[in-house]
Amino acid sequence: MDEKPGDVLTIEELAAYLKIPKSTLYKLVREGKIPSQKIGRHWRFRKGAIDHWLEETRANEPGSGGDR
């Protein structure tokens, strides 16, 4: 599977994608709750891993109906 440049997101792009504040995203990163990779001083996120994480998180929430 070939990755396209848009498949790797910056913290700003991911915050916009998830529609959450950057401060919340940094908290998730610090707590190790979101798949991320630090390259130098910068955090990067693979869109595919984020989409999978979103599905896993939704499926594991109580009362989410993830096992319909």
PDB file of N, CA and C in Angstrom:
ATOM      1  N   MET A   1       0.850  -1.183   0.000  1.00  0.00           N
ATOM      2  CA  MET A   1       0.000   0.000   0.000  1.00  0.00           C
ATOM      3  C   MET A   1       0.891   1.240   0.000  1.00  0.00           C
ATOM      4  N   ASP A   2       0.770   2.047  -1.021  1.00  0.00           N
ATOM      5  CA  ASP A   2       1.563   3.272  -1.122  1.00  0.00           C
ATOM      6  C   ASP A   2       0.901   4.388  -0.334  1.00  0.00           C
ATOM      7  N   GLU A   3       1.722   5.095   0.429  1.00  0.00           N
ATOM      8  CA  GLU A   3       1.196   6.224   1.199  1.00  0.00           C
ATOM      9  C   GLU A   3       1.299   7.496   0.375  1.00  0.00           C
ATOM     10  N   LYS A   4       0.309   8.341   0.518  1.00  0.00           N
ATOM     11  CA  LYS A   4       0.309   9.644  -0.134  1.00  0.00           C
ATOM     12  C   LYS A   4       0.736  10.680   0.908  1.00  0.00           C
ATOM     13  N   PRO A   5       1.226  11.842   0.473  1.00  0.00           N
ATOM     14  CA  PRO A   5       1.656  12.862   1.444  1.00  0.00           C
ATOM     15  C   PRO A   5       0.569  13.223   2.457  1.00  0.00           C
ATOM     16  N   GLY A   6      -0.686  13.230   2.066  1.00  0.00           N
ATOM     17  CA  GLY A   6      -1.766  13.574   2.981  1.00  0.00           C
ATOM     18  C   GLY A   6      -2.081  12.501   4.002  1.00  0.00           C
ATOM     19  N   ASP A   7      -1.410  11.346   3.899  1.00  0.00           N
ATOM     20  CA  ASP A   7      -1.668  10.249   4.832  1.00  0.00           C
ATOM     21  C   ASP A   7      -0.969  10.454   6.173  1.00  0.00           C
ATOM     22  N   VAL A   8      -0.071  11.421   6.257  1.00  0.00           N
ATOM     23  CA  VAL A   8       0.616  11.752   7.506  1.00  0.00           C
ATOM     24  C   VAL A   8       0.181  13.156   7.888  1.00  0.00           C
ATOM     25  N   LEU A   9      -0.338  13.280   9.114  1.00  0.00           N
ATOM     26  CA  LEU A   9      -0.912  14.552   9.561  1.00  0.00           C
ATOM     27  C   LEU A   9      -0.041  15.207  10.623  1.00  0.00           C
ATOM     28  N   THR A  10      -0.031  16.531  10.623  1.00  0.00           N
ATOM     29  CA  THR A  10       0.607  17.296  11.691  1.00  0.00           C
ATOM     30  C   THR A  10      -0.401  17.413  12.839  1.00  0.00           C
ATOM     31  N   ILE A  11       0.057  17.943  13.954  1.00  0.00           N
ATOM     32  CA  ILE A  11      -0.846  18.110  15.092  1.00  0.00           C
ATOM     33  C   ILE A  11      -1.978  19.079  14.745  1.00  0.00           C
ATOM     34  N   GLU A  12      -1.662  20.119  13.970  1.00  0.00           N
ATOM     35  CA  GLU A  12      -2.692  21.079  13.566  1.00  0.00           C
ATOM     36  C   GLU A  12      -3.729  20.418  12.652  1.00  0.00           C
ATOM     37  N   GLU A  13      -3.242  19.635  11.686  1.00  0.00           N
ATOM     38  CA  GLU A  13      -4.151  18.957  10.755  1.00  0.00           C
ATOM     39  C   GLU A  13      -5.020  17.937  11.473  1.00  0.00           C
ATOM     40  N   LEU A  14      -4.422  17.202  12.423  1.00  0.00           N
ATOM     41  CA  LEU A  14      -5.196  16.194  13.147  1.00  0.00           C
ATOM     42  C   LEU A  14      -6.230  16.850  14.062  1.00  0.00           C
ATOM     43  N   ALA A  15      -5.869  17.940  14.709  1.00  0.00           N
ATOM     44  CA  ALA A  15      -6.832  18.650  15.559  1.00  0.00           C
ATOM     45  C   ALA A  15      -8.034  19.092  14.725  1.00  0.00           C
ATOM     46  N   ALA A  16      -7.777  19.587  13.514  1.00  0.00           N
ATOM     47  CA  ALA A  16      -8.867  20.000  12.627  1.00  0.00           C
ATOM     48  C   ALA A  16      -9.676  18.773  12.182  1.00  0.00           C
ATOM     49  N   TYR A  17      -8.993  17.690  11.850  1.00  0.00           N
ATOM     50  CA  TYR A  17      -9.648  16.459  11.397  1.00  0.00           C
ATOM     51  C   TYR A  17     -10.572  15.894  12.480  1.00  0.00           C
ATOM     52  N   LEU A  18     -10.084  15.898  13.720  1.00  0.00           N
ATOM     53  CA  LEU A  18     -10.876  15.363  14.837  1.00  0.00           C
ATOM     54  C   LEU A  18     -11.826  16.401  15.422  1.00  0.00           C
ATOM     55  N   LYS A  19     -11.649  17.664  15.005  1.00  0.00           N
ATOM     56  CA  LYS A  19     -12.462  18.778  15.513  1.00  0.00           C
ATOM     57  C   LYS A  19     -12.341  18.911  17.029  1.00  0.00           C
ATOM     58  N   ILE A  20     -11.092  18.871  17.503  1.00  0.00           N
ATOM     59  CA  ILE A  20     -10.800  19.050  18.922  1.00  0.00           C
ATOM     60  C   ILE A  20      -9.671  20.072  19.051  1.00  0.00           C
ATOM     61  N   PRO A  21      -9.570  20.723  20.210  1.00  0.00           N
ATOM     62  CA  PRO A  21      -8.472  21.682  20.412  1.00  0.00           C
ATOM     63  C   PRO A  21      -7.110  20.977  20.411  1.00  0.00           C
ATOM     64  N   LYS A  22      -6.086  21.693  19.982  1.00  0.00           N
ATOM     65  CA  LYS A  22      -4.738  21.128  20.004  1.00  0.00           C
ATOM     66  C   LYS A  22      -4.339  20.739  21.426  1.00  0.00           C
ATOM     67  N   SER A  23      -4.790  21.493  22.424  1.00  0.00           N
ATOM     68  CA  SER A  23      -4.422  21.183  23.818  1.00  0.00           C
ATOM     69  C   SER A  23      -4.949  19.803  24.218  1.00  0.00           C
ATOM     70  N   THR A  24      -6.143  19.467  23.768  1.00  0.00           N
ATOM     71  CA  THR A  24      -6.706  18.143  24.058  1.00  0.00           C
ATOM     72  C   THR A  24      -5.895  17.067  23.353  1.00  0.00           C
ATOM     73  N   LEU A  25      -5.505  17.338  22.130  1.00  0.00           N
ATOM     74  CA  LEU A  25      -4.712  16.379  21.365  1.00  0.00           C
ATOM     75  C   LEU A  25      -3.353  16.155  22.011  1.00  0.00           C
ATOM     76  N   TYR A  26      -2.705  17.227  22.458  1.00  0.00           N
ATOM     77  CA  TYR A  26      -1.424  17.078  23.151  1.00  0.00           C
ATOM     78  C   TYR A  26      -1.584  16.229  24.410  1.00  0.00           C
ATOM     79  N   LYS A  27      -2.697  16.400  25.122  1.00  0.00           N
ATOM     80  CA  LYS A  27      -2.956  15.602  26.327  1.00  0.00           C
ATOM     81  C   LYS A  27      -3.075  14.117  25.965  1.00  0.00           C
ATOM     82  N   LEU A  28      -3.801  13.810  24.903  1.00  0.00           N
ATOM     83  CA  LEU A  28      -3.941  12.416  24.453  1.00  0.00           C
ATOM     84  C   LEU A  28      -2.581  11.830  24.070  1.00  0.00           C
ATOM     85  N   VAL A  29      -1.747  12.634  23.417  1.00  0.00           N
ATOM     86  CA  VAL A  29      -0.411  12.183  23.029  1.00  0.00           C
ATOM     87  C   VAL A  29       0.430  11.904  24.267  1.00  0.00           C
ATOM     88  N   ARG A  30       0.444  12.844  25.220  1.00  0.00           N
ATOM     89  CA  ARG A  30       1.229  12.679  26.458  1.00  0.00           C
ATOM     90  C   ARG A  30       0.825  11.422  27.216  1.00  0.00           C
ATOM     91  N   GLU A  31      -0.481  11.135  27.216  1.00  0.00           N
ATOM     92  CA  GLU A  31      -0.985   9.974  27.949  1.00  0.00           C
ATOM     93  C   GLU A  31      -0.869   8.677  27.149  1.00  0.00           C
ATOM     94  N   GLY A  32      -0.371   8.768  25.923  1.00  0.00           N
ATOM     95  CA  GLY A  32      -0.193   7.583  25.093  1.00  0.00           C
ATOM     96  C   GLY A  32      -1.501   6.979  24.623  1.00  0.00           C
ATOM     97  N   LYS A  33      -2.539   7.779  24.549  1.00  0.00           N
ATOM     98  CA  LYS A  33      -3.864   7.270  24.205  1.00  0.00           C
ATOM     99  C   LYS A  33      -4.176   7.322  22.721  1.00  0.00           C
ATOM    100  N   ILE A  34      -3.302   7.941  21.937  1.00  0.00           N
ATOM    101  CA  ILE A  34      -3.555   8.086  20.509  1.00  0.00           C
ATOM    102  C   ILE A  34      -2.287   7.667  19.760  1.00  0.00           C
ATOM    103  N   PRO A  35      -2.429   6.932  18.651  1.00  0.00           N
ATOM    104  CA  PRO A  35      -1.221   6.509  17.919  1.00  0.00           C
ATOM    105  C   PRO A  35      -0.492   7.709  17.324  1.00  0.00           C
ATOM    106  N   SER A  36       0.775   7.837  17.695  1.00  0.00           N
ATOM    107  CA  SER A  36       1.553   8.993  17.254  1.00  0.00           C
ATOM    108  C   SER A  36       3.022   8.612  17.146  1.00  0.00           C
ATOM    109  N   GLN A  37       3.768   9.482  16.478  1.00  0.00           N
ATOM    110  CA  GLN A  37       5.204   9.286  16.346  1.00  0.00           C
ATOM    111  C   GLN A  37       5.875  10.642  16.400  1.00  0.00           C
ATOM    112  N   LYS A  38       6.907  10.736  17.193  1.00  0.00           N
ATOM    113  CA  LYS A  38       7.635  11.993  17.289  1.00  0.00           C
ATOM    114  C   LYS A  38       8.836  11.930  16.357  1.00  0.00           C
ATOM    115  N   ILE A  39       8.925  12.926  15.503  1.00  0.00           N
ATOM    116  CA  ILE A  39      10.055  13.031  14.572  1.00  0.00           C
ATOM    117  C   ILE A  39      10.754  14.339  14.898  1.00  0.00           C
ATOM    118  N   GLY A  40      11.905  14.224  15.511  1.00  0.00           N
ATOM    119  CA  GLY A  40      12.581  15.423  16.010  1.00  0.00           C
ATOM    120  C   GLY A  40      11.739  16.030  17.108  1.00  0.00           C
ATOM    121  N   ARG A  41      11.349  17.283  16.921  1.00  0.00           N
ATOM    122  CA  ARG A  41      10.499  17.962  17.914  1.00  0.00           C
ATOM    123  C   ARG A  41       9.033  17.912  17.519  1.00  0.00           C
ATOM    124  N   HIS A  42       8.721  17.279  16.407  1.00  0.00           N
ATOM    125  CA  HIS A  42       7.373  17.352  15.847  1.00  0.00           C
ATOM    126  C   HIS A  42       6.630  16.030  15.947  1.00  0.00           C
ATOM    127  N   TRP A  43       5.348  16.107  16.279  1.00  0.00           N
ATOM    128  CA  TRP A  43       4.490  14.930  16.318  1.00  0.00           C
ATOM    129  C   TRP A  43       3.856  14.724  14.950  1.00  0.00           C
ATOM    130  N   ARG A  44       3.789  13.468  14.527  1.00  0.00           N
ATOM    131  CA  ARG A  44       3.138  13.111  13.271  1.00  0.00           C
ATOM    132  C   ARG A  44       2.194  11.946  13.533  1.00  0.00           C
ATOM    133  N   PHE A  45       1.145  11.896  12.725  1.00  0.00           N
ATOM    134  CA  PHE A  45       0.084  10.914  12.913  1.00  0.00           C
ATOM    135  C   PHE A  45      -0.284  10.318  11.563  1.00  0.00           C
ATOM    136  N   ARG A  46      -0.323   8.991  11.470  1.00  0.00           N
ATOM    137  CA  ARG A  46      -0.765   8.336  10.241  1.00  0.00           C
ATOM    138  C   ARG A  46      -2.281   8.324  10.229  1.00  0.00           C
ATOM    139  N   LYS A  47      -2.864   8.837   9.148  1.00  0.00           N
ATOM    140  CA  LYS A  47      -4.314   8.942   9.062  1.00  0.00           C
ATOM    141  C   LYS A  47      -4.974   7.576   9.204  1.00  0.00           C
ATOM    142  N   GLY A  48      -4.408   6.553   8.585  1.00  0.00           N
ATOM    143  CA  GLY A  48      -4.972   5.206   8.679  1.00  0.00           C
ATOM    144  C   GLY A  48      -5.000   4.700  10.120  1.00  0.00           C
ATOM    145  N   ALA A  49      -3.925   4.967  10.861  1.00  0.00           N
ATOM    146  CA  ALA A  49      -3.860   4.538  12.260  1.00  0.00           C
ATOM    147  C   ALA A  49      -4.872   5.313  13.104  1.00  0.00           C
ATOM    148  N   ILE A  50      -5.060   6.581  12.787  1.00  0.00           N
ATOM    149  CA  ILE A  50      -6.039   7.398  13.520  1.00  0.00           C
ATOM    150  C   ILE A  50      -7.450   6.896  13.244  1.00  0.00           C
ATOM    151  N   ASP A  51      -7.749   6.604  11.977  1.00  0.00           N
ATOM    152  CA  ASP A  51      -9.083   6.093  11.638  1.00  0.00           C
ATOM    153  C   ASP A  51      -9.348   4.773  12.347  1.00  0.00           C
ATOM    154  N   HIS A  52      -8.348   3.909  12.387  1.00  0.00           N
ATOM    155  CA  HIS A  52      -8.490   2.622  13.091  1.00  0.00           C
ATOM    156  C   HIS A  52      -8.683   2.860  14.594  1.00  0.00           C
ATOM    157  N   TRP A  53      -7.915   3.773  15.166  1.00  0.00           N
ATOM    158  CA  TRP A  53      -8.030   4.108  16.586  1.00  0.00           C
ATOM    159  C   TRP A  53      -9.429   4.629  16.902  1.00  0.00           C
ATOM    160  N   LEU A  54      -9.963   5.474  16.016  1.00  0.00           N
ATOM    161  CA  LEU A  54     -11.320   6.002  16.224  1.00  0.00           C
ATOM    162  C   LEU A  54     -12.347   4.871  16.258  1.00  0.00           C
ATOM    163  N   GLU A  55     -12.230   3.928  15.341  1.00  0.00           N
ATOM    164  CA  GLU A  55     -13.161   2.796  15.301  1.00  0.00           C
ATOM    165  C   GLU A  55     -13.026   1.934  16.557  1.00  0.00           C
ATOM    166  N   GLU A  56     -11.782   1.663  16.962  1.00  0.00           N
ATOM    167  CA  GLU A  56     -11.539   0.860  18.160  1.00  0.00           C
ATOM    168  C   GLU A  56     -12.072   1.559  19.404  1.00  0.00           C
ATOM    169  N   THR A  57     -11.840   2.854  19.498  1.00  0.00           N
ATOM    170  CA  THR A  57     -12.299   3.619  20.656  1.00  0.00           C
ATOM    171  C   THR A  57     -13.817   3.616  20.719  1.00  0.00           C
ATOM    172  N   ARG A  58     -14.456   3.816  19.574  1.00  0.00           N
ATOM    173  CA  ARG A  58     -15.922   3.830  19.519  1.00  0.00           C
ATOM    174  C   ARG A  58     -16.478   2.462  19.902  1.00  0.00           C
ATOM    175  N   ALA A  59     -15.871   1.406  19.400  1.00  0.00           N
ATOM    176  CA  ALA A  59     -16.364   0.053  19.655  1.00  0.00           C
ATOM    177  C   ALA A  59     -16.191  -0.347  21.124  1.00  0.00           C
ATOM    178  N   ASN A  60     -15.205   0.232  21.800  1.00  0.00           N
ATOM    179  CA  ASN A  60     -14.926  -0.148  23.184  1.00  0.00           C
ATOM    180  C   ASN A  60     -15.644   0.704  24.218  1.00  0.00           C
ATOM    181  N   GLU A  61     -16.361   1.748  23.776  1.00  0.00           N
ATOM    182  CA  GLU A  61     -17.063   2.587  24.738  1.00  0.00           C
ATOM    183  C   GLU A  61     -18.323   1.894  25.231  1.00  0.00           C
ATOM    184  N   PRO A  62     -18.568   1.951  26.539  1.00  0.00           N
ATOM    185  CA  PRO A  62     -19.798   1.347  27.066  1.00  0.00           C
ATOM    186  C   PRO A  62     -21.028   2.022  26.452  1.00  0.00           C
ATOM    187  N   GLY A  63     -21.973   1.218  26.026  1.00  0.00           N
ATOM    188  CA  GLY A  63     -23.205   1.743  25.480  1.00  0.00           C
ATOM    189  C   GLY A  63     -23.067   2.338  24.104  1.00  0.00           C
ATOM    190  N   SER A  64     -21.928   2.070  23.423  1.00  0.00           N
ATOM    191  CA  SER A  64     -21.714   2.670  22.115  1.00  0.00           C
ATOM    192  C   SER A  64     -22.437   1.924  21.017  1.00  0.00           C
ATOM    193  N   GLY A  65     -22.877   0.699  21.321  1.00  0.00           N
ATOM    194  CA  GLY A  65     -23.516  -0.098  20.279  1.00  0.00           C
ATOM    195  C   GLY A  65     -22.501  -0.602  19.270  1.00  0.00           C
ATOM    196  N   GLY A  66     -21.248  -0.681  19.668  1.00  0.00           N
ATOM    197  CA  GLY A  66     -20.199  -1.105  18.776  1.00  0.00           C
ATOM    198  C   GLY A  66     -20.326  -2.541  18.313  1.00  0.00           C
ATOM    199  N   ASP A  67     -21.135  -3.351  19.026  1.00  0.00           N
ATOM    200  CA  ASP A  67     -21.274  -4.769  18.659  1.00  0.00           C
ATOM    201  C   ASP A  67     -22.652  -5.062  18.106  1.00  0.00           C
ATOM    202  N   ARG A  68     -23.188  -4.128  17.340  1.00  0.00           N
ATOM    203  CA  ARG A  68     -24.512  -4.303  16.747  1.00  0.00           C
ATOM    204  C   ARG A  68     -24.549  -5.432  15.765  1.00  0.00           C
TER     205      ARG A  68
END
